[in-house]
Amino acid sequence: MKFSLLLFILASRFKKAARENKGFKRFLLGHECAVVIKTSDGARGKRFIFKDGGFSSDAVLDRFDAAMVWADAKTAFYAMKKGEEGIMQALSNHLVGIEGKIHSFTWFGAAINFVMSS
């Protein structure tokens, strides 16, 4: 439940920034990708879609440019709550895997930092 709520909040922040923040709108221009954050069993997750200078999200977890695949929802919640430090720790402990295009995932990390700092 907490993991799903965290993903909902992140999607809400992206949606608001894409609608209201001129700097974020410029950041989005020219970047098109779909990034999924999900559990390894595919039971929970969200797809974040950046296209045509806008943002949307949905529950399609099998079509993406990059994906962050967590061992389980509890691990994902606590690691993501800690931010970059928690994610890096989870990576080093093999509790999360990255699939797809690393460039898309790196750009997505910058997008998260942008909306979380505004």
Protein backbone atom coordinates (compact mmCIF):
# COMPACT_ATOMS: atom_id res chain seq x y z
CA MET A 1 0.00 0.00 0.00
CA LYS A 2 2.76 2.45 0.93
CA PHE A 3 4.66 1.70 -2.29
CA SER A 4 1.56 2.34 -4.42
CA LEU A 5 0.91 5.58 -2.54
CA LEU A 6 4.51 6.69 -3.10
CA LEU A 7 4.16 6.07 -6.84
CA PHE A 8 0.84 7.94 -6.90
CA ILE A 9 2.43 10.94 -5.17
CA LEU A 10 5.37 10.91 -7.58
CA ALA A 11 2.99 10.81 -10.57
CA SER A 12 0.99 13.68 -9.06
CA ARG A 13 4.14 15.78 -8.67
CA PHE A 14 5.12 15.13 -12.28
CA LYS A 15 1.61 15.99 -13.47
CA LYS A 16 1.53 19.25 -11.53
CA ALA A 17 5.04 20.28 -12.61
CA ALA A 18 4.28 19.49 -16.27
CA ARG A 19 1.19 21.68 -16.05
CA GLU A 20 2.48 24.60 -13.95
CA ASN A 21 6.29 24.76 -13.87
CA LYS A 22 7.82 26.52 -16.89
CA GLY A 23 11.29 25.18 -16.07
CA PHE A 24 10.02 21.61 -15.96
CA LYS A 25 8.12 22.12 -19.21
CA ARG A 26 11.42 23.15 -20.86
CA PHE A 27 13.14 20.15 -19.23
CA LEU A 28 10.58 17.82 -20.85
CA LEU A 29 11.00 19.18 -24.38
CA GLY A 30 12.77 16.73 -26.64
CA HIS A 31 12.67 13.87 -24.14
CA GLU A 32 10.28 11.05 -24.79
CA CYS A 33 10.37 7.88 -22.75
CA ALA A 34 8.31 5.52 -20.64
CA VAL A 35 9.77 4.42 -17.32
CA VAL A 36 8.25 1.71 -15.13
CA ILE A 37 8.74 1.27 -11.41
CA LYS A 38 7.40 -2.10 -10.31
CA THR A 39 7.84 -5.12 -8.07
CA SER A 40 9.51 -8.22 -9.50
CA ASP A 41 6.25 -10.16 -9.34
CA GLY A 42 4.52 -7.45 -11.40
CA ALA A 43 1.78 -7.09 -8.79
CA ARG A 44 2.42 -3.40 -8.10
CA GLY A 45 3.83 -0.57 -10.12
CA LYS A 46 3.27 2.40 -12.37
CA ARG A 47 4.44 3.54 -15.78
CA PHE A 48 5.56 7.17 -16.12
CA ILE A 49 5.20 8.47 -19.68
CA PHE A 50 6.92 11.58 -20.97
CA LYS A 51 5.80 12.46 -24.48
CA ASP A 52 5.29 15.58 -26.59
CA GLY A 53 6.42 17.82 -23.72
CA GLY A 54 3.81 16.38 -21.37
CA PHE A 55 3.37 13.73 -18.72
CA SER A 56 0.95 10.90 -18.08
CA SER A 57 0.96 7.65 -16.15
CA ASP A 58 -0.81 4.32 -16.25
CA ALA A 59 -0.58 0.74 -15.00
CA VAL A 60 0.94 -0.86 -18.11
CA LEU A 61 4.05 -2.51 -16.68
CA ASP A 62 5.36 -4.50 -19.63
CA ARG A 63 6.06 -1.73 -22.16
CA PHE A 64 8.85 0.67 -21.26
CA ASP A 65 12.15 2.22 -22.26
CA ALA A 66 13.57 1.66 -18.80
CA ALA A 67 12.35 -0.08 -15.66
CA MET A 68 13.25 -0.19 -11.99
CA VAL A 69 12.30 -3.66 -10.77
CA TRP A 70 12.17 -4.05 -6.99
CA ALA A 71 12.40 -7.29 -5.01
CA ASP A 72 9.19 -6.37 -3.16
CA ALA A 73 6.99 -3.37 -2.34
CA LYS A 74 8.26 -2.92 1.22
CA THR A 75 11.90 -2.75 0.10
CA ALA A 76 10.97 -0.35 -2.70
CA PHE A 77 9.08 1.98 -0.39
CA TYR A 78 11.81 2.30 2.22
CA ALA A 79 14.63 2.64 -0.32
CA MET A 80 12.81 5.20 -2.45
CA LYS A 81 11.77 7.12 0.63
CA LYS A 82 15.50 7.61 1.39
CA GLY A 83 16.06 8.98 -2.11
CA GLU A 84 19.17 8.44 -4.18
CA GLU A 85 21.12 7.05 -1.22
CA GLY A 86 18.49 4.38 -0.54
CA ILE A 87 18.26 3.41 -4.19
CA MET A 88 22.04 3.11 -4.53
CA GLN A 89 22.16 0.95 -1.41
CA ALA A 90 19.40 -1.28 -2.81
CA LEU A 91 21.32 -1.59 -6.09
CA SER A 92 24.48 -2.66 -4.30
CA ASN A 93 22.49 -5.23 -2.29
CA HIS A 94 20.76 -6.56 -5.44
CA LEU A 95 17.30 -5.60 -4.15
CA VAL A 96 16.49 -3.65 -7.29
CA GLY A 97 17.36 -4.18 -10.93
CA ILE A 98 17.44 -1.82 -13.86
CA GLU A 99 16.14 -2.98 -17.25
CA GLY A 100 16.16 -1.24 -20.60
CA LYS A 101 17.91 1.93 -21.68
CA ILE A 102 20.20 3.37 -19.02
CA HIS A 103 19.97 6.82 -20.64
CA SER A 104 16.18 6.89 -20.10
CA PHE A 105 16.60 5.80 -16.51
CA THR A 106 19.29 8.43 -15.86
CA TRP A 107 17.09 11.13 -17.37
CA PHE A 108 14.17 9.93 -15.23
CA GLY A 109 16.36 10.31 -12.12
CA ALA A 110 17.03 13.92 -13.11
CA ALA A 111 13.29 14.45 -13.61
CA ILE A 112 12.59 13.09 -10.12
CA ASN A 113 15.21 15.42 -8.63
CA PHE A 114 13.66 18.34 -10.51
CA VAL A 115 10.12 17.80 -9.20
CA MET A 116 11.18 16.88 -5.67
CA SER A 117 13.29 20.02 -5.28
CA SER A 118 10.60 22.41 -6.53
